[in-house]
Amino acid sequence: MLSDELLKKILRETKTFDSKGLKQLEKEMRDHDPDMTFEAFLLKEKKMPEEMLYRIAAQFYKLPFVSLREKPIRRDVLFLIP
């Protein structure tokens, strides 16, 4: 989970949204549910696909993004995750 300010910074610096676009999204979020996080709003309202959001965050931090969606995970390894 990313803080609202950090997520906005990432989206602005990666040129995913410009300042005007981010302000519009913030307004929509406040009108929809002021208690919702920006990340939850983007995903719940389908403003951006989940994988794209996290790929952009990984790119910002210069980290590899690995999707485990289609990869089998051994049961013993899966149970290590809380």
N, C-alpha and C. Protein backbone atom coordinates (compact mmCIF):
# COMPACT_ATOMS: atom_id res chain seq x y z
N MET A 1 0.84 -1.17 0.00
CA MET A 1 0.00 0.00 0.00
C MET A 1 0.89 1.24 0.00
N LEU A 2 0.54 2.18 -0.83
CA LEU A 2 1.30 3.42 -0.96
C LEU A 2 0.49 4.56 -0.34
N SER A 3 1.18 5.50 0.31
CA SER A 3 0.47 6.66 0.85
C SER A 3 -0.07 7.48 -0.31
N ASP A 4 -1.11 8.25 -0.04
CA ASP A 4 -1.72 9.06 -1.09
C ASP A 4 -0.71 10.00 -1.73
N GLU A 5 0.07 10.69 -0.90
CA GLU A 5 1.03 11.66 -1.44
C GLU A 5 2.12 10.99 -2.25
N LEU A 6 2.61 9.85 -1.78
CA LEU A 6 3.65 9.14 -2.52
C LEU A 6 3.10 8.64 -3.86
N LEU A 7 1.89 8.10 -3.86
CA LEU A 7 1.30 7.60 -5.09
C LEU A 7 1.10 8.74 -6.10
N LYS A 8 0.63 9.88 -5.64
CA LYS A 8 0.45 11.03 -6.54
C LYS A 8 1.80 11.48 -7.11
N LYS A 9 2.82 11.48 -6.27
CA LYS A 9 4.16 11.85 -6.74
C LYS A 9 4.64 10.89 -7.82
N ILE A 10 4.46 9.59 -7.59
CA ILE A 10 4.87 8.58 -8.57
C ILE A 10 4.12 8.78 -9.88
N LEU A 11 2.81 8.97 -9.80
CA LEU A 11 2.00 9.12 -11.02
C LEU A 11 2.35 10.40 -11.78
N ARG A 12 2.70 11.44 -11.03
CA ARG A 12 3.07 12.71 -11.67
C ARG A 12 4.47 12.60 -12.30
N GLU A 13 5.43 12.05 -11.56
CA GLU A 13 6.81 11.99 -12.06
C GLU A 13 6.99 10.99 -13.19
N THR A 14 6.15 9.97 -13.24
CA THR A 14 6.23 9.02 -14.36
C THR A 14 5.35 9.48 -15.53
N LYS A 15 4.75 10.65 -15.37
CA LYS A 15 3.90 11.25 -16.40
C LYS A 15 2.69 10.37 -16.76
N THR A 16 2.24 9.59 -15.76
CA THR A 16 1.04 8.79 -15.94
C THR A 16 -0.17 9.72 -15.95
N PHE A 17 -0.18 10.69 -15.05
CA PHE A 17 -1.20 11.73 -15.00
C PHE A 17 -0.49 13.06 -14.82
N ASP A 18 -1.03 14.10 -15.42
CA ASP A 18 -0.50 15.44 -15.16
C ASP A 18 -1.20 16.00 -13.92
N SER A 19 -0.79 17.17 -13.48
CA SER A 19 -1.36 17.77 -12.26
C SER A 19 -2.86 17.97 -12.38
N LYS A 20 -3.30 18.40 -13.55
CA LYS A 20 -4.73 18.62 -13.77
C LYS A 20 -5.51 17.30 -13.66
N GLY A 21 -4.97 16.25 -14.25
CA GLY A 21 -5.62 14.94 -14.17
C GLY A 21 -5.69 14.41 -12.75
N LEU A 22 -4.61 14.61 -11.99
CA LEU A 22 -4.59 14.17 -10.59
C LEU A 22 -5.60 14.94 -9.76
N LYS A 23 -5.71 16.25 -10.00
CA LYS A 23 -6.69 17.06 -9.26
C LYS A 23 -8.11 16.60 -9.56
N GLN A 24 -8.37 16.26 -10.82
CA GLN A 24 -9.70 15.76 -11.19
C GLN A 24 -9.99 14.44 -10.48
N LEU A 25 -9.01 13.55 -10.45
CA LEU A 25 -9.19 12.27 -9.76
C LEU A 25 -9.41 12.48 -8.26
N GLU A 26 -8.67 13.42 -7.66
CA GLU A 26 -8.84 13.71 -6.23
C GLU A 26 -10.25 14.20 -5.95
N LYS A 27 -10.77 15.06 -6.82
CA LYS A 27 -12.13 15.58 -6.66
C LYS A 27 -13.13 14.43 -6.74
N GLU A 28 -12.96 13.57 -7.74
CA GLU A 28 -13.86 12.41 -7.88
C GLU A 28 -13.80 11.54 -6.63
N MET A 29 -12.60 11.35 -6.09
CA MET A 29 -12.42 10.51 -4.91
C MET A 29 -13.15 11.13 -3.71
N ARG A 30 -12.97 12.43 -3.50
CA ARG A 30 -13.63 13.10 -2.38
C ARG A 30 -15.15 13.02 -2.51
N ASP A 31 -15.65 13.18 -3.75
CA ASP A 31 -17.09 13.11 -3.98
C ASP A 31 -17.62 11.70 -3.77
N HIS A 32 -16.83 10.71 -4.12
CA HIS A 32 -17.24 9.31 -4.02
C HIS A 32 -17.18 8.80 -2.59
N ASP A 33 -16.02 8.93 -1.95
CA ASP A 33 -15.82 8.45 -0.58
C ASP A 33 -14.58 9.13 -0.01
N PRO A 34 -14.77 10.17 0.79
CA PRO A 34 -13.62 10.94 1.30
C PRO A 34 -12.68 10.13 2.19
N ASP A 35 -13.14 8.99 2.71
CA ASP A 35 -12.29 8.19 3.59
C ASP A 35 -11.46 7.16 2.83
N MET A 36 -11.71 7.01 1.53
CA MET A 36 -11.00 6.01 0.73
C MET A 36 -9.59 6.50 0.40
N THR A 37 -8.64 5.58 0.37
CA THR A 37 -7.29 5.97 -0.04
C THR A 37 -7.27 6.18 -1.55
N PHE A 38 -6.29 6.92 -2.01
CA PHE A 38 -6.18 7.21 -3.44
C PHE A 38 -5.94 5.91 -4.21
N GLU A 39 -5.10 5.05 -3.66
CA GLU A 39 -4.80 3.76 -4.30
C GLU A 39 -6.07 2.92 -4.43
N ALA A 40 -6.84 2.82 -3.34
CA ALA A 40 -8.09 2.04 -3.37
C ALA A 40 -9.07 2.63 -4.37
N PHE A 41 -9.15 3.96 -4.42
CA PHE A 41 -10.05 4.62 -5.37
C PHE A 41 -9.68 4.28 -6.81
N LEU A 42 -8.41 4.41 -7.14
CA LEU A 42 -7.97 4.12 -8.52
C LEU A 42 -8.32 2.69 -8.92
N LEU A 43 -8.13 1.77 -8.01
CA LEU A 43 -8.38 0.36 -8.32
C LEU A 43 -9.87 0.02 -8.30
N LYS A 44 -10.57 0.48 -7.28
CA LYS A 44 -12.00 0.14 -7.14
C LYS A 44 -12.83 0.75 -8.26
N GLU A 45 -12.51 1.97 -8.62
CA GLU A 45 -13.27 2.66 -9.67
C GLU A 45 -12.72 2.38 -11.06
N LYS A 46 -11.76 1.48 -11.13
CA LYS A 46 -11.17 1.03 -12.40
C LYS A 46 -10.63 2.20 -13.23
N LYS A 47 -9.98 3.13 -12.54
CA LYS A 47 -9.32 4.25 -13.22
C LYS A 47 -8.01 3.79 -13.84
N MET A 48 -7.52 2.65 -13.33
CA MET A 48 -6.26 2.10 -13.81
C MET A 48 -6.18 0.64 -13.37
N PRO A 49 -5.73 -0.24 -14.25
CA PRO A 49 -5.61 -1.65 -13.86
C PRO A 49 -4.58 -1.83 -12.74
N GLU A 50 -4.84 -2.77 -11.86
CA GLU A 50 -3.96 -3.02 -10.72
C GLU A 50 -2.52 -3.30 -11.15
N GLU A 51 -2.36 -4.16 -12.14
CA GLU A 51 -1.01 -4.52 -12.57
C GLU A 51 -0.27 -3.29 -13.10
N MET A 52 -0.97 -2.44 -13.84
CA MET A 52 -0.34 -1.24 -14.38
C MET A 52 0.13 -0.32 -13.25
N LEU A 53 -0.72 -0.15 -12.25
CA LEU A 53 -0.37 0.72 -11.12
C LEU A 53 0.92 0.26 -10.45
N TYR A 54 1.02 -1.04 -10.19
CA TYR A 54 2.20 -1.55 -9.49
C TYR A 54 3.42 -1.65 -10.41
N ARG A 55 3.21 -1.82 -11.70
CA ARG A 55 4.33 -1.76 -12.64
C ARG A 55 4.94 -0.36 -12.66
N ILE A 56 4.07 0.65 -12.64
CA ILE A 56 4.54 2.04 -12.62
C ILE A 56 5.31 2.33 -11.34
N ALA A 57 4.80 1.84 -10.20
CA ALA A 57 5.50 2.04 -8.92
C ALA A 57 6.86 1.34 -8.95
N ALA A 58 6.91 0.14 -9.49
CA ALA A 58 8.19 -0.59 -9.58
C ALA A 58 9.16 0.17 -10.49
N GLN A 59 8.65 0.68 -11.60
CA GLN A 59 9.48 1.46 -12.53
C GLN A 59 10.04 2.70 -11.82
N PHE A 60 9.21 3.37 -11.04
CA PHE A 60 9.63 4.57 -10.31
C PHE A 60 10.79 4.25 -9.37
N TYR A 61 10.71 3.11 -8.69
CA TYR A 61 11.76 2.70 -7.76
C TYR A 61 12.89 1.92 -8.42
N LYS A 62 12.79 1.76 -9.73
CA LYS A 62 13.80 1.01 -10.51
C LYS A 62 13.94 -0.43 -9.97
N LEU A 63 12.78 -1.04 -9.74
CA LEU A 63 12.72 -2.42 -9.28
C LEU A 63 12.03 -3.28 -10.33
N PRO A 64 12.38 -4.54 -10.41
CA PRO A 64 11.68 -5.41 -11.36
C PRO A 64 10.26 -5.69 -10.86
N PHE A 65 9.35 -5.83 -11.78
CA PHE A 65 7.98 -6.21 -11.44
C PHE A 65 7.78 -7.64 -11.90
N VAL A 66 7.31 -8.48 -11.01
CA VAL A 66 7.08 -9.88 -11.35
C VAL A 66 5.63 -10.21 -11.04
N SER A 67 4.91 -10.66 -12.04
CA SER A 67 3.53 -11.10 -11.84
C SER A 67 3.54 -12.59 -11.52
N LEU A 68 2.94 -12.93 -10.40
CA LEU A 68 2.87 -14.33 -9.99
C LEU A 68 1.51 -14.94 -10.34
N ARG A 69 0.71 -14.18 -11.05
CA ARG A 69 -0.65 -14.61 -11.38
C ARG A 69 -0.68 -15.97 -12.08
N GLU A 70 0.20 -16.21 -13.01
CA GLU A 70 0.19 -17.45 -13.78
C GLU A 70 1.25 -18.45 -13.33
N LYS A 71 1.94 -18.13 -12.25
CA LYS A 71 3.02 -19.01 -11.79
C LYS A 71 2.52 -19.89 -10.65
N PRO A 72 2.80 -21.18 -10.72
CA PRO A 72 2.40 -22.06 -9.61
C PRO A 72 3.27 -21.78 -8.38
N ILE A 73 2.63 -21.76 -7.23
CA ILE A 73 3.34 -21.54 -5.98
C ILE A 73 3.13 -22.78 -5.12
N ARG A 74 4.25 -23.36 -4.70
CA ARG A 74 4.15 -24.57 -3.87
C ARG A 74 3.36 -24.26 -2.60
N ARG A 75 2.58 -25.22 -2.18
CA ARG A 75 1.72 -25.06 -1.01
C ARG A 75 2.53 -24.71 0.25
N ASP A 76 3.67 -25.36 0.47
CA ASP A 76 4.47 -25.08 1.66
C ASP A 76 4.99 -23.65 1.65
N VAL A 77 5.32 -23.14 0.48
CA VAL A 77 5.79 -21.76 0.36
C VAL A 77 4.63 -20.80 0.59
N LEU A 78 3.49 -21.13 0.05
CA LEU A 78 2.30 -20.28 0.20
C LEU A 78 1.93 -20.09 1.68
N PHE A 79 2.07 -21.14 2.46
CA PHE A 79 1.71 -21.05 3.88
C PHE A 79 2.74 -20.29 4.72
N LEU A 80 3.86 -19.92 4.14
CA LEU A 80 4.83 -19.08 4.85
C LEU A 80 4.37 -17.62 4.89
N ILE A 81 3.49 -17.27 3.98
CA ILE A 81 3.01 -15.89 3.89
C ILE A 81 1.87 -15.68 4.89
N PRO A 82 2.01 -14.69 5.77
CA PRO A 82 0.95 -14.46 6.78
C PRO A 82 -0.33 -13.93 6.15
